[in-house]
């Protein structure tokens, strides 16, 4: 359990554990409407162990990297929030291409590090 939580990495945020490729030590965030073995465990962190599922209640400020979406999820005390999306710079009456390119590069770097949603 300690190794699973200290890694700070989850496979994804899902509702149905029946669809998962299970391997000991893999971690998921339980979505808002869980079913099956996860019923009643919304918002928790699910760890698959040799003894079956183990659940951890997150605390406000906890961060987990979501491999599936390639973003950092943050628990705000009530729900897991994904990084928000930021649009590329557009519009304006005076277009400064250097500034626009610099902003695009910053946004791309933030997406690569999982700090902004890539979608």
PDB file of N, CA and C in Angstrom:
ATOM      1  N   UNK A   1       0.824  -1.193   0.000  1.00  0.00           N
ATOM      2  CA  UNK A   1       0.000   0.000   0.000  1.00  0.00           C
ATOM      3  C   UNK A   1       0.867   1.255   0.000  1.00  0.00           C
ATOM      4  N   UNK A   2       1.904   1.240   0.805  1.00  0.00           N
ATOM      5  CA  UNK A   2       2.769   2.419   0.866  1.00  0.00           C
ATOM      6  C   UNK A   2       3.400   2.686  -0.497  1.00  0.00           C
ATOM      7  N   UNK A   3       3.930   1.640  -1.125  1.00  0.00           N
ATOM      8  CA  UNK A   3       4.538   1.811  -2.452  1.00  0.00           C
ATOM      9  C   UNK A   3       3.534   2.355  -3.453  1.00  0.00           C
ATOM     10  N   UNK A   4       2.314   1.836  -3.415  1.00  0.00           N
ATOM     11  CA  UNK A   4       1.285   2.266  -4.364  1.00  0.00           C
ATOM     12  C   UNK A   4       0.955   3.741  -4.180  1.00  0.00           C
ATOM     13  N   UNK A   5       0.871   4.203  -2.953  1.00  0.00           N
ATOM     14  CA  UNK A   5       0.508   5.594  -2.704  1.00  0.00           C
ATOM     15  C   UNK A   5       1.682   6.547  -2.888  1.00  0.00           C
ATOM     16  N   UNK A   6       2.872   6.110  -2.508  1.00  0.00           N
ATOM     17  CA  UNK A   6       4.029   6.995  -2.649  1.00  0.00           C
ATOM     18  C   UNK A   6       4.407   7.233  -4.105  1.00  0.00           C
ATOM     19  N   UNK A   7       4.033   6.324  -4.977  1.00  0.00           N
ATOM     20  CA  UNK A   7       4.344   6.528  -6.387  1.00  0.00           C
ATOM     21  C   UNK A   7       3.599   7.733  -6.938  1.00  0.00           C
ATOM     22  N   UNK A   8       2.434   8.031  -6.347  1.00  0.00           N
ATOM     23  CA  UNK A   8       1.653   9.179  -6.804  1.00  0.00           C
ATOM     24  C   UNK A   8       1.129   9.023  -8.219  1.00  0.00           C
ATOM     25  N   UNK A   9       0.895   7.780  -8.627  1.00  0.00           N
ATOM     26  CA  UNK A   9       0.495   7.530 -10.009  1.00  0.00           C
ATOM     27  C   UNK A   9      -0.672   6.548 -10.055  1.00  0.00           C
ATOM     28  N   UNK A  10      -1.708   6.904 -10.807  1.00  0.00           N
ATOM     29  CA  UNK A  10      -2.849   6.019 -10.994  1.00  0.00           C
ATOM     30  C   UNK A  10      -2.957   5.643 -12.466  1.00  0.00           C
ATOM     31  N   UNK A  11      -3.642   4.541 -12.713  1.00  0.00           N
ATOM     32  CA  UNK A  11      -3.859   4.127 -14.102  1.00  0.00           C
ATOM     33  C   UNK A  11      -4.881   5.027 -14.776  1.00  0.00           C
ATOM     34  N   UNK A  12      -5.963   5.341 -14.042  1.00  0.00           N
ATOM     35  CA  UNK A  12      -7.046   6.132 -14.615  1.00  0.00           C
ATOM     36  C   UNK A  12      -8.073   6.412 -13.523  1.00  0.00           C
ATOM     37  N   UNK A  13      -9.128   7.088 -13.892  1.00  0.00           N
ATOM     38  CA  UNK A  13     -10.279   7.324 -13.013  1.00  0.00           C
ATOM     39  C   UNK A  13     -11.450   6.596 -13.656  1.00  0.00           C
ATOM     40  N   UNK A  14     -11.950   5.526 -13.015  1.00  0.00           N
ATOM     41  CA  UNK A  14     -12.978   4.686 -13.623  1.00  0.00           C
ATOM     42  C   UNK A  14     -14.058   4.305 -12.614  1.00  0.00           C
ATOM     43  N   UNK A  15     -15.159   3.755 -13.126  1.00  0.00           N
ATOM     44  CA  UNK A  15     -16.300   3.354 -12.301  1.00  0.00           C
ATOM     45  C   UNK A  15     -16.447   1.856 -12.132  1.00  0.00           C
ATOM     46  N   UNK A  16     -15.985   1.082 -13.114  1.00  0.00           N
ATOM     47  CA  UNK A  16     -16.254  -0.357 -13.112  1.00  0.00           C
ATOM     48  C   UNK A  16     -14.956  -1.167 -13.090  1.00  0.00           C
ATOM     49  N   UNK A  17     -14.633  -1.805 -11.965  1.00  0.00           N
ATOM     50  CA  UNK A  17     -13.396  -2.570 -11.887  1.00  0.00           C
ATOM     51  C   UNK A  17     -13.407  -3.844 -12.724  1.00  0.00           C
ATOM     52  N   UNK A  18     -14.581  -4.285 -13.175  1.00  0.00           N
ATOM     53  CA  UNK A  18     -14.672  -5.519 -13.964  1.00  0.00           C
ATOM     54  C   UNK A  18     -13.975  -5.382 -15.319  1.00  0.00           C
ATOM     55  N   UNK A  19     -13.787  -4.167 -15.789  1.00  0.00           N
ATOM     56  CA  UNK A  19     -13.193  -3.940 -17.111  1.00  0.00           C
ATOM     57  C   UNK A  19     -11.681  -3.755 -17.067  1.00  0.00           C
ATOM     58  N   UNK A  20     -11.083  -3.834 -15.883  1.00  0.00           N
ATOM     59  CA  UNK A  20      -9.673  -3.495 -15.724  1.00  0.00           C
ATOM     60  C   UNK A  20      -8.732  -4.674 -15.920  1.00  0.00           C
ATOM     61  N   UNK A  21      -7.536  -4.359 -16.357  1.00  0.00           N
ATOM     62  CA  UNK A  21      -6.454  -5.335 -16.459  1.00  0.00           C
ATOM     63  C   UNK A  21      -5.744  -5.325 -15.100  1.00  0.00           C
ATOM     64  N   UNK A  22      -6.055  -6.296 -14.256  1.00  0.00           N
ATOM     65  CA  UNK A  22      -5.572  -6.285 -12.876  1.00  0.00           C
ATOM     66  C   UNK A  22      -4.164  -6.855 -12.742  1.00  0.00           C
ATOM     67  N   UNK A  23      -3.364  -6.162 -11.976  1.00  0.00           N
ATOM     68  CA  UNK A  23      -2.035  -6.620 -11.601  1.00  0.00           C
ATOM     69  C   UNK A  23      -1.754  -6.054 -10.211  1.00  0.00           C
ATOM     70  N   UNK A  24      -1.120  -6.842  -9.395  1.00  0.00           N
ATOM     71  CA  UNK A  24      -0.839  -6.419  -8.028  1.00  0.00           C
ATOM     72  C   UNK A  24      -0.060  -5.108  -8.012  1.00  0.00           C
ATOM     73  N   UNK A  25      -0.535  -4.167  -7.173  1.00  0.00           N
ATOM     74  CA  UNK A  25       0.117  -2.877  -7.032  1.00  0.00           C
ATOM     75  C   UNK A  25      -0.415  -1.784  -7.934  1.00  0.00           C
ATOM     76  N   UNK A  26      -1.295  -2.125  -8.860  1.00  0.00           N
ATOM     77  CA  UNK A  26      -1.859  -1.094  -9.736  1.00  0.00           C
ATOM     78  C   UNK A  26      -2.914  -0.301  -8.983  1.00  0.00           C
ATOM     79  N   UNK A  27      -3.027   0.984  -9.347  1.00  0.00           N
ATOM     80  CA  UNK A  27      -3.846   1.935  -8.593  1.00  0.00           C
ATOM     81  C   UNK A  27      -4.807   2.658  -9.529  1.00  0.00           C
ATOM     82  N   UNK A  28      -6.036   2.882  -9.054  1.00  0.00           N
ATOM     83  CA  UNK A  28      -7.041   3.642  -9.796  1.00  0.00           C
ATOM     84  C   UNK A  28      -7.737   4.607  -8.847  1.00  0.00           C
ATOM     85  N   UNK A  29      -8.288   5.671  -9.406  1.00  0.00           N
ATOM     86  CA  UNK A  29      -9.188   6.548  -8.658  1.00  0.00           C
ATOM     87  C   UNK A  29     -10.596   6.083  -8.983  1.00  0.00           C
ATOM     88  N   UNK A  30     -11.396   5.879  -7.945  1.00  0.00           N
ATOM     89  CA  UNK A  30     -12.773   5.421  -8.129  1.00  0.00           C
ATOM     90  C   UNK A  30     -13.631   6.623  -8.522  1.00  0.00           C
ATOM     91  N   UNK A  31     -14.306   6.523  -9.653  1.00  0.00           N
ATOM     92  CA  UNK A  31     -15.132   7.596 -10.195  1.00  0.00           C
ATOM     93  C   UNK A  31     -16.364   7.848  -9.323  1.00  0.00           C
ATOM     94  N   UNK A  32     -17.179   8.838  -9.705  1.00  0.00           N
ATOM     95  CA  UNK A  32     -18.330   9.268  -8.909  1.00  0.00           C
ATOM     96  C   UNK A  32     -19.476   8.266  -8.835  1.00  0.00           C
ATOM     97  N   UNK A  33     -19.587   7.351  -9.791  1.00  0.00           N
ATOM     98  CA  UNK A  33     -20.704   6.399  -9.813  1.00  0.00           C
ATOM     99  C   UNK A  33     -20.175   4.961  -9.924  1.00  0.00           C
ATOM    100  N   UNK A  34     -19.478   4.481  -8.891  1.00  0.00           N
ATOM    101  CA  UNK A  34     -18.864   3.154  -8.984  1.00  0.00           C
ATOM    102  C   UNK A  34     -19.877   2.015  -8.914  1.00  0.00           C
ATOM    103  N   UNK A  35     -19.507   0.899  -9.554  1.00  0.00           N
ATOM    104  CA  UNK A  35     -20.353  -0.295  -9.557  1.00  0.00           C
ATOM    105  C   UNK A  35     -19.515  -1.506  -9.154  1.00  0.00           C
ATOM    106  N   UNK A  36     -20.188  -2.622  -8.947  1.00  0.00           N
ATOM    107  CA  UNK A  36     -19.504  -3.875  -8.633  1.00  0.00           C
ATOM    108  C   UNK A  36     -18.735  -3.803  -7.329  1.00  0.00           C
ATOM    109  N   UNK A  37     -17.511  -4.283  -7.351  1.00  0.00           N
ATOM    110  CA  UNK A  37     -16.669  -4.335  -6.145  1.00  0.00           C
ATOM    111  C   UNK A  37     -16.352  -2.952  -5.589  1.00  0.00           C
ATOM    112  N   UNK A  38     -16.580  -1.915  -6.389  1.00  0.00           N
ATOM    113  CA  UNK A  38     -16.286  -0.560  -5.936  1.00  0.00           C
ATOM    114  C   UNK A  38     -17.526   0.202  -5.469  1.00  0.00           C
ATOM    115  N   UNK A  39     -18.688  -0.419  -5.479  1.00  0.00           N
ATOM    116  CA  UNK A  39     -19.922   0.266  -5.072  1.00  0.00           C
ATOM    117  C   UNK A  39     -19.741   0.890  -3.687  1.00  0.00           C
ATOM    118  N   UNK A  40     -20.144   2.143  -3.559  1.00  0.00           N
ATOM    119  CA  UNK A  40     -20.046   2.849  -2.283  1.00  0.00           C
ATOM    120  C   UNK A  40     -18.667   3.407  -1.980  1.00  0.00           C
ATOM    121  N   UNK A  41     -17.736   3.336  -2.921  1.00  0.00           N
ATOM    122  CA  UNK A  41     -16.357   3.782  -2.682  1.00  0.00           C
ATOM    123  C   UNK A  41     -15.972   4.993  -3.537  1.00  0.00           C
ATOM    124  N   UNK A  42     -16.943   5.785  -3.965  1.00  0.00           N
ATOM    125  CA  UNK A  42     -16.679   6.942  -4.840  1.00  0.00           C
ATOM    126  C   UNK A  42     -15.609   7.852  -4.250  1.00  0.00           C
ATOM    127  N   UNK A  43     -14.680   8.272  -5.100  1.00  0.00           N
ATOM    128  CA  UNK A  43     -13.655   9.226  -4.709  1.00  0.00           C
ATOM    129  C   UNK A  43     -12.442   8.631  -4.023  1.00  0.00           C
ATOM    130  N   UNK A  44     -12.501   7.362  -3.663  1.00  0.00           N
ATOM    131  CA  UNK A  44     -11.360   6.751  -2.982  1.00  0.00           C
ATOM    132  C   UNK A  44     -10.292   6.328  -3.990  1.00  0.00           C
ATOM    133  N   UNK A  45      -9.167   5.919  -3.456  1.00  0.00           N
ATOM    134  CA  UNK A  45      -8.088   5.375  -4.274  1.00  0.00           C
ATOM    135  C   UNK A  45      -8.148   3.868  -4.093  1.00  0.00           C
ATOM    136  N   UNK A  46      -8.248   3.137  -5.195  1.00  0.00           N
ATOM    137  CA  UNK A  46      -8.349   1.677  -5.160  1.00  0.00           C
ATOM    138  C   UNK A  46      -7.005   1.066  -5.555  1.00  0.00           C
ATOM    139  N   UNK A  47      -6.501   0.192  -4.694  1.00  0.00           N
ATOM    140  CA  UNK A  47      -5.231  -0.478  -4.947  1.00  0.00           C
ATOM    141  C   UNK A  47      -5.506  -1.971  -5.023  1.00  0.00           C
ATOM    142  N   UNK A  48      -5.062  -2.618  -6.098  1.00  0.00           N
ATOM    143  CA  UNK A  48      -5.244  -4.057  -6.216  1.00  0.00           C
ATOM    144  C   UNK A  48      -4.037  -4.749  -5.591  1.00  0.00           C
ATOM    145  N   UNK A  49      -4.299  -5.611  -4.608  1.00  0.00           N
ATOM    146  CA  UNK A  49      -3.242  -6.329  -3.905  1.00  0.00           C
ATOM    147  C   UNK A  49      -3.471  -7.830  -4.025  1.00  0.00           C
ATOM    148  N   UNK A  50      -2.517  -8.613  -3.524  1.00  0.00           N
ATOM    149  CA  UNK A  50      -2.652 -10.068  -3.531  1.00  0.00           C
ATOM    150  C   UNK A  50      -3.892 -10.498  -2.747  1.00  0.00           C
ATOM    151  N   UNK A  51      -4.300  -9.700  -1.770  1.00  0.00           N
ATOM    152  CA  UNK A  51      -5.475  -9.997  -0.965  1.00  0.00           C
ATOM    153  C   UNK A  51      -6.762  -9.398  -1.493  1.00  0.00           C
ATOM    154  N   UNK A  52      -6.718  -8.788  -2.671  1.00  0.00           N
ATOM    155  CA  UNK A  52      -7.910  -8.156  -3.253  1.00  0.00           C
ATOM    156  C   UNK A  52      -7.812  -6.645  -3.213  1.00  0.00           C
ATOM    157  N   UNK A  53      -8.950  -5.999  -3.320  1.00  0.00           N
ATOM    158  CA  UNK A  53      -8.998  -4.536  -3.354  1.00  0.00           C
ATOM    159  C   UNK A  53      -8.781  -3.937  -1.980  1.00  0.00           C
ATOM    160  N   UNK A  54      -7.989  -2.880  -1.918  1.00  0.00           N
ATOM    161  CA  UNK A  54      -7.799  -2.066  -0.725  1.00  0.00           C
ATOM    162  C   UNK A  54      -8.133  -0.640  -1.136  1.00  0.00           C
ATOM    163  N   UNK A  55      -8.794   0.092  -0.238  1.00  0.00           N
ATOM    164  CA  UNK A  55      -9.231   1.448  -0.554  1.00  0.00           C
ATOM    165  C   UNK A  55      -8.630   2.438   0.430  1.00  0.00           C
ATOM    166  N   UNK A  56      -8.242   3.588  -0.096  1.00  0.00           N
ATOM    167  CA  UNK A  56      -7.668   4.654   0.720  1.00  0.00           C
ATOM    168  C   UNK A  56      -8.502   5.905   0.518  1.00  0.00           C
ATOM    169  N   UNK A  57      -8.864   6.549   1.602  1.00  0.00           N
ATOM    170  CA  UNK A  57      -9.601   7.801   1.527  1.00  0.00           C
ATOM    171  C   UNK A  57      -8.599   8.931   1.337  1.00  0.00           C
ATOM    172  N   UNK A  58      -8.715   9.702   0.258  1.00  0.00           N
ATOM    173  CA  UNK A  58      -7.755  10.784   0.017  1.00  0.00           C
ATOM    174  C   UNK A  58      -7.983  11.958   0.963  1.00  0.00           C
ATOM    175  N   UNK A  59      -6.960  12.780   1.110  1.00  0.00           N
ATOM    176  CA  UNK A  59      -7.056  14.001   1.911  1.00  0.00           C
ATOM    177  C   UNK A  59      -6.914  15.203   0.977  1.00  0.00           C
ATOM    178  N   UNK A  60      -7.472  16.322   1.383  1.00  0.00           N
ATOM    179  CA  UNK A  60      -7.417  17.533   0.560  1.00  0.00           C
ATOM    180  C   UNK A  60      -5.970  17.880   0.232  1.00  0.00           C
ATOM    181  N   UNK A  61      -5.732  18.166  -1.037  1.00  0.00           N
ATOM    182  CA  UNK A  61      -4.400  18.524  -1.504  1.00  0.00           C
ATOM    183  C   UNK A  61      -3.616  17.358  -2.079  1.00  0.00           C
ATOM    184  N   UNK A  62      -4.123  16.129  -1.917  1.00  0.00           N
ATOM    185  CA  UNK A  62      -3.430  14.957  -2.458  1.00  0.00           C
ATOM    186  C   UNK A  62      -3.406  15.038  -3.978  1.00  0.00           C
ATOM    187  N   UNK A  63      -2.269  14.670  -4.568  1.00  0.00           N
ATOM    188  CA  UNK A  63      -2.090  14.714  -6.018  1.00  0.00           C
ATOM    189  C   UNK A  63      -1.732  13.326  -6.513  1.00  0.00           C
ATOM    190  N   UNK A  64      -2.326  12.940  -7.635  1.00  0.00           N
ATOM    191  CA  UNK A  64      -2.027  11.668  -8.279  1.00  0.00           C
ATOM    192  C   UNK A  64      -1.936  11.916  -9.776  1.00  0.00           C
ATOM    193  N   UNK A  65      -0.914  11.365 -10.389  1.00  0.00           N
ATOM    194  CA  UNK A  65      -0.764  11.472 -11.837  1.00  0.00           C
ATOM    195  C   UNK A  65      -1.629  10.407 -12.496  1.00  0.00           C
ATOM    196  N   UNK A  66      -2.442  10.799 -13.448  1.00  0.00           N
ATOM    197  CA  UNK A  66      -3.346   9.911 -14.177  1.00  0.00           C
ATOM    198  C   UNK A  66      -2.661   9.517 -15.486  1.00  0.00           C
ATOM    199  N   UNK A  67      -2.189   8.257 -15.570  1.00  0.00           N
ATOM    200  CA  UNK A  67      -1.469   7.798 -16.772  1.00  0.00           C
ATOM    201  C   UNK A  67      -2.338   7.838 -18.023  1.00  0.00           C
ATOM    202  N   UNK A  68      -3.601   7.487 -17.877  1.00  0.00           N
ATOM    203  CA  UNK A  68      -4.496   7.412 -19.031  1.00  0.00           C
ATOM    204  C   UNK A  68      -4.680   8.776 -19.693  1.00  0.00           C
ATOM    205  N   UNK A  69      -4.913   9.803 -18.898  1.00  0.00           N
ATOM    206  CA  UNK A  69      -5.151  11.144 -19.443  1.00  0.00           C
ATOM    207  C   UNK A  69      -3.887  12.000 -19.495  1.00  0.00           C
ATOM    208  N   UNK A  70      -2.809  11.524 -18.850  1.00  0.00           N
ATOM    209  CA  UNK A  70      -1.542  12.262 -18.791  1.00  0.00           C
ATOM    210  C   UNK A  70      -1.720  13.636 -18.146  1.00  0.00           C
ATOM    211  N   UNK A  71      -2.442  13.644 -17.014  1.00  0.00           N
ATOM    212  CA  UNK A  71      -2.629  14.878 -16.245  1.00  0.00           C
ATOM    213  C   UNK A  71      -2.452  14.577 -14.757  1.00  0.00           C
ATOM    214  N   UNK A  72      -2.253  15.621 -13.994  1.00  0.00           N
ATOM    215  CA  UNK A  72      -2.213  15.504 -12.547  1.00  0.00           C
ATOM    216  C   UNK A  72      -3.625  15.757 -12.028  1.00  0.00           C
ATOM    217  N   UNK A  73      -4.101  14.854 -11.178  1.00  0.00           N
ATOM    218  CA  UNK A  73      -5.401  15.052 -10.531  1.00  0.00           C
ATOM    219  C   UNK A  73      -5.147  15.492  -9.096  1.00  0.00           C
ATOM    220  N   UNK A  74      -5.964  16.423  -8.630  1.00  0.00           N
ATOM    221  CA  UNK A  74      -5.822  16.962  -7.278  1.00  0.00           C
ATOM    222  C   UNK A  74      -7.132  16.750  -6.534  1.00  0.00           C
ATOM    223  N   UNK A  75      -7.046  16.232  -5.300  1.00  0.00           N
ATOM    224  CA  UNK A  75      -8.238  16.045  -4.493  1.00  0.00           C
ATOM    225  C   UNK A  75      -8.478  17.335  -3.710  1.00  0.00           C
ATOM    226  N   UNK A  76      -9.632  17.953  -3.918  1.00  0.00           N
ATOM    227  CA  UNK A  76      -9.914  19.252  -3.290  1.00  0.00           C
ATOM    228  C   UNK A  76     -10.641  19.136  -1.954  1.00  0.00           C
ATOM    229  N   UNK A  77     -10.760  17.933  -1.449  1.00  0.00           N
ATOM    230  CA  UNK A  77     -11.468  17.716  -0.187  1.00  0.00           C
ATOM    231  C   UNK A  77     -12.845  17.124  -0.411  1.00  0.00           C
ATOM    232  N   UNK A  78     -13.345  17.206  -1.641  1.00  0.00           N
ATOM    233  CA  UNK A  78     -14.654  16.661  -1.960  1.00  0.00           C
ATOM    234  C   UNK A  78     -14.662  15.816  -3.222  1.00  0.00           C
ATOM    235  N   UNK A  79     -13.769  16.154  -4.159  1.00  0.00           N
ATOM    236  CA  UNK A  79     -13.728  15.432  -5.436  1.00  0.00           C
ATOM    237  C   UNK A  79     -12.352  15.572  -6.059  1.00  0.00           C
ATOM    238  N   UNK A  80     -12.057  14.651  -6.980  1.00  0.00           N
ATOM    239  CA  UNK A  80     -10.816  14.720  -7.749  1.00  0.00           C
ATOM    240  C   UNK A  80     -11.031  15.655  -8.930  1.00  0.00           C
ATOM    241  N   UNK A  81     -10.135  16.597  -9.087  1.00  0.00           N
ATOM    242  CA  UNK A  81     -10.210  17.551 -10.195  1.00  0.00           C
ATOM    243  C   UNK A  81      -9.028  17.328 -11.124  1.00  0.00           C
ATOM    244  N   UNK A  82      -9.314  17.311 -12.413  1.00  0.00           N
ATOM    245  CA  UNK A  82      -8.242  17.229 -13.395  1.00  0.00           C
ATOM    246  C   UNK A  82      -7.748  18.617 -13.717  1.00  0.00           C
ATOM    247  N   UNK A  83      -6.603  18.678 -14.322  1.00  0.00           N
ATOM    248  CA  UNK A  83      -6.074  19.967 -14.754  1.00  0.00           C
ATOM    249  C   UNK A  83      -7.026  20.571 -15.780  1.00  0.00           C
ATOM    250  N   UNK A  84      -7.103  21.867 -15.797  1.00  0.00           N
ATOM    251  CA  UNK A  84      -7.983  22.532 -16.748  1.00  0.00           C
ATOM    252  C   UNK A  84      -7.275  22.708 -18.087  1.00  0.00           C
ATOM    253  N   UNK A  85      -8.049  22.913 -19.099  1.00  0.00           N
ATOM    254  CA  UNK A  85      -7.508  23.117 -20.431  1.00  0.00           C
ATOM    255  C   UNK A  85      -7.273  24.606 -20.653  1.00  0.00           C
ATOM    256  N   UNK A  86      -6.256  24.921 -21.412  1.00  0.00           N
ATOM    257  CA  UNK A  86      -5.985  26.317 -21.767  1.00  0.00           C
ATOM    258  C   UNK A  86      -5.872  26.396 -23.282  1.00  0.00           C
ATOM    259  N   UNK A  87      -6.601  27.326 -23.852  1.00  0.00           N
ATOM    260  CA  UNK A  87      -6.610  27.479 -25.305  1.00  0.00           C
ATOM    261  C   UNK A  87      -5.359  28.199 -25.784  1.00  0.00           C
ATOM    262  N   UNK A  88      -4.990  27.907 -27.013  1.00  0.00           N
ATOM    263  CA  UNK A  88      -3.883  28.615 -27.648  1.00  0.00           C
ATOM    264  C   UNK A  88      -4.286  30.084 -27.805  1.00  0.00           C
ATOM    265  N   UNK A  89      -3.310  30.994 -27.747  1.00  0.00           N
ATOM    266  CA  UNK A  89      -3.651  32.414 -27.898  1.00  0.00           C
ATOM    267  C   UNK A  89      -4.190  32.709 -29.296  1.00  0.00           C
ATOM    268  N   UNK A  90      -5.295  33.465 -29.339  1.00  0.00           N
ATOM    269  CA  UNK A  90      -5.906  33.870 -30.613  1.00  0.00           C
ATOM    270  C   UNK A  90      -6.480  35.276 -30.465  1.00  0.00           C
ATOM    271  N   UNK A  91      -6.889  35.845 -31.559  1.00  0.00           N
ATOM    272  CA  UNK A  91      -7.613  37.118 -31.542  1.00  0.00           C
ATOM    273  C   UNK A  91      -6.720  38.315 -31.264  1.00  0.00           C
ATOM    274  N   UNK A  92      -7.361  39.424 -30.972  1.00  0.00           N
ATOM    275  CA  UNK A  92      -6.656  40.665 -30.695  1.00  0.00           C
ATOM    276  C   UNK A  92      -6.556  41.540 -31.930  1.00  0.00           C
ATOM    277  N   UNK A  93      -6.371  42.828 -31.719  1.00  0.00           N
ATOM    278  CA  UNK A  93      -6.267  43.752 -32.845  1.00  0.00           C
ATOM    279  C   UNK A  93      -4.834  43.866 -33.335  1.00  0.00           C
ATOM    280  N   UNK A  94      -3.860  43.663 -32.433  1.00  0.00           N
ATOM    281  CA  UNK A  94      -2.452  43.670 -32.809  1.00  0.00           C
ATOM    282  C   UNK A  94      -1.902  42.288 -32.502  1.00  0.00           C
ATOM    283  N   UNK A  95      -1.395  41.595 -33.490  1.00  0.00           N
ATOM    284  CA  UNK A  95      -0.906  40.236 -33.304  1.00  0.00           C
ATOM    285  C   UNK A  95       0.618  40.255 -33.221  1.00  0.00           C
ATOM    286  N   UNK A  96       1.132  39.829 -32.070  1.00  0.00           N
ATOM    287  CA  UNK A  96       2.571  39.731 -31.855  1.00  0.00           C
ATOM    288  C   UNK A  96       2.930  38.249 -31.946  1.00  0.00           C
ATOM    289  N   UNK A  97       3.463  37.843 -33.092  1.00  0.00           N
ATOM    290  CA  UNK A  97       3.746  36.422 -33.320  1.00  0.00           C
ATOM    291  C   UNK A  97       4.782  35.868 -32.355  1.00  0.00           C
ATOM    292  N   UNK A  98       5.777  36.658 -31.979  1.00  0.00           N
ATOM    293  CA  UNK A  98       6.782  36.173 -31.027  1.00  0.00           C
ATOM    294  C   UNK A  98       6.139  35.876 -29.673  1.00  0.00           C
ATOM    295  N   UNK A  99       5.314  36.779 -29.202  1.00  0.00           N
ATOM    296  CA  UNK A  99       4.640  36.574 -27.917  1.00  0.00           C
ATOM    297  C   UNK A  99       3.693  35.383 -27.993  1.00  0.00           C
ATOM    298  N   UNK A 100       2.973  35.285 -29.087  1.00  0.00           N
ATOM    299  CA  UNK A 100       2.037  34.176 -29.275  1.00  0.00           C
ATOM    300  C   UNK A 100       2.777  32.837 -29.289  1.00  0.00           C
ATOM    301  N   UNK A 101       3.916  32.770 -29.990  1.00  0.00           N
ATOM    302  CA  UNK A 101       4.715  31.549 -30.030  1.00  0.00           C
ATOM    303  C   UNK A 101       5.285  31.204 -28.656  1.00  0.00           C
ATOM    304  N   UNK A 102       5.699  32.220 -27.917  1.00  0.00           N
ATOM    305  CA  UNK A 102       6.226  31.985 -26.570  1.00  0.00           C
ATOM    306  C   UNK A 102       5.133  31.423 -25.665  1.00  0.00           C
ATOM    307  N   UNK A 103       3.935  31.980 -25.737  1.00  0.00           N
ATOM    308  CA  UNK A 103       2.822  31.468 -24.933  1.00  0.00           C
ATOM    309  C   UNK A 103       2.459  30.041 -25.330  1.00  0.00           C
ATOM    310  N   UNK A 104       2.473  29.762 -26.616  1.00  0.00           N
ATOM    311  CA  UNK A 104       2.183  28.403 -27.086  1.00  0.00           C
ATOM    312  C   UNK A 104       3.215  27.415 -26.554  1.00  0.00           C
ATOM    313  N   UNK A 105       4.484  27.809 -26.514  1.00  0.00           N
ATOM    314  CA  UNK A 105       5.540  26.939 -25.996  1.00  0.00           C
ATOM    315  C   UNK A 105       5.356  26.676 -24.502  1.00  0.00           C
ATOM    316  N   UNK A 106       4.966  27.690 -23.764  1.00  0.00           N
ATOM    317  CA  UNK A 106       4.718  27.519 -22.319  1.00  0.00           C
ATOM    318  C   UNK A 106       3.544  26.562 -22.103  1.00  0.00           C
ATOM    319  N   UNK A 107       2.466  26.750 -22.856  1.00  0.00           N
ATOM    320  CA  UNK A 107       1.306  25.868 -22.739  1.00  0.00           C
ATOM    321  C   UNK A 107       1.670  24.429 -23.083  1.00  0.00           C
ATOM    322  N   UNK A 108       2.469  24.226 -24.127  1.00  0.00           N
ATOM    323  CA  UNK A 108       2.885  22.879 -24.516  1.00  0.00           C
ATOM    324  C   UNK A 108       3.710  22.224 -23.408  1.00  0.00           C
ATOM    325  N   UNK A 109       4.617  22.975 -22.804  1.00  0.00           N
ATOM    326  CA  UNK A 109       5.433  22.430 -21.716  1.00  0.00           C
ATOM    327  C   UNK A 109       4.557  22.047 -20.522  1.00  0.00           C
ATOM    328  N   UNK A 110       3.582  22.867 -20.181  1.00  0.00           N
ATOM    329  CA  UNK A 110       2.673  22.554 -19.073  1.00  0.00           C
ATOM    330  C   UNK A 110       1.864  21.292 -19.362  1.00  0.00           C
ATOM    331  N   UNK A 111       1.438  21.109 -20.610  1.00  0.00           N
ATOM    332  CA  UNK A 111       0.710  19.905 -20.993  1.00  0.00           C
ATOM    333  C   UNK A 111       1.608  18.671 -20.897  1.00  0.00           C
ATOM    334  N   UNK A 112       2.851  18.794 -21.333  1.00  0.00           N
ATOM    335  CA  UNK A 112       3.781  17.660 -21.288  1.00  0.00           C
ATOM    336  C   UNK A 112       4.056  17.208 -19.864  1.00  0.00           C
ATOM    337  N   UNK A 113       4.047  18.125 -18.919  1.00  0.00           N
ATOM    338  CA  UNK A 113       4.278  17.778 -17.522  1.00  0.00           C
ATOM    339  C   UNK A 113       2.988  17.419 -16.789  1.00  0.00           C
ATOM    340  N   UNK A 114       1.877  17.363 -17.523  1.00  0.00           N
ATOM    341  CA  UNK A 114       0.609  16.963 -16.929  1.00  0.00           C
ATOM    342  C   UNK A 114      -0.059  18.036 -16.103  1.00  0.00           C
ATOM    343  N   UNK A 115       0.371  19.269 -16.241  1.00  0.00           N
ATOM    344  CA  UNK A 115      -0.208  20.348 -15.441  1.00  0.00           C
ATOM    345  C   UNK A 115      -1.385  21.023 -16.114  1.00  0.00           C
ATOM    346  N   UNK A 116      -1.570  20.751 -17.396  1.00  0.00           N
ATOM    347  CA  UNK A 116      -2.747  21.219 -18.131  1.00  0.00           C
ATOM    348  C   UNK A 116      -3.301  20.025 -18.905  1.00  0.00           C
ATOM    349  N   UNK A 117      -4.598  20.025 -19.056  1.00  0.00           N
ATOM    350  CA  UNK A 117      -5.250  18.981 -19.830  1.00  0.00           C
ATOM    351  C   UNK A 117      -4.829  19.101 -21.280  1.00  0.00           C
ATOM    352  N   UNK A 118      -4.485  17.977 -21.882  1.00  0.00           N
ATOM    353  CA  UNK A 118      -4.024  17.980 -23.274  1.00  0.00           C
ATOM    354  C   UNK A 118      -5.170  18.100 -24.258  1.00  0.00           C
ATOM    355  N   UNK A 119      -6.416  18.011 -23.787  1.00  0.00           N
ATOM    356  CA  UNK A 119      -7.557  18.067 -24.708  1.00  0.00           C
ATOM    357  C   UNK A 119      -8.069  19.472 -24.872  1.00  0.00           C
TER     358      UNK A 119
END
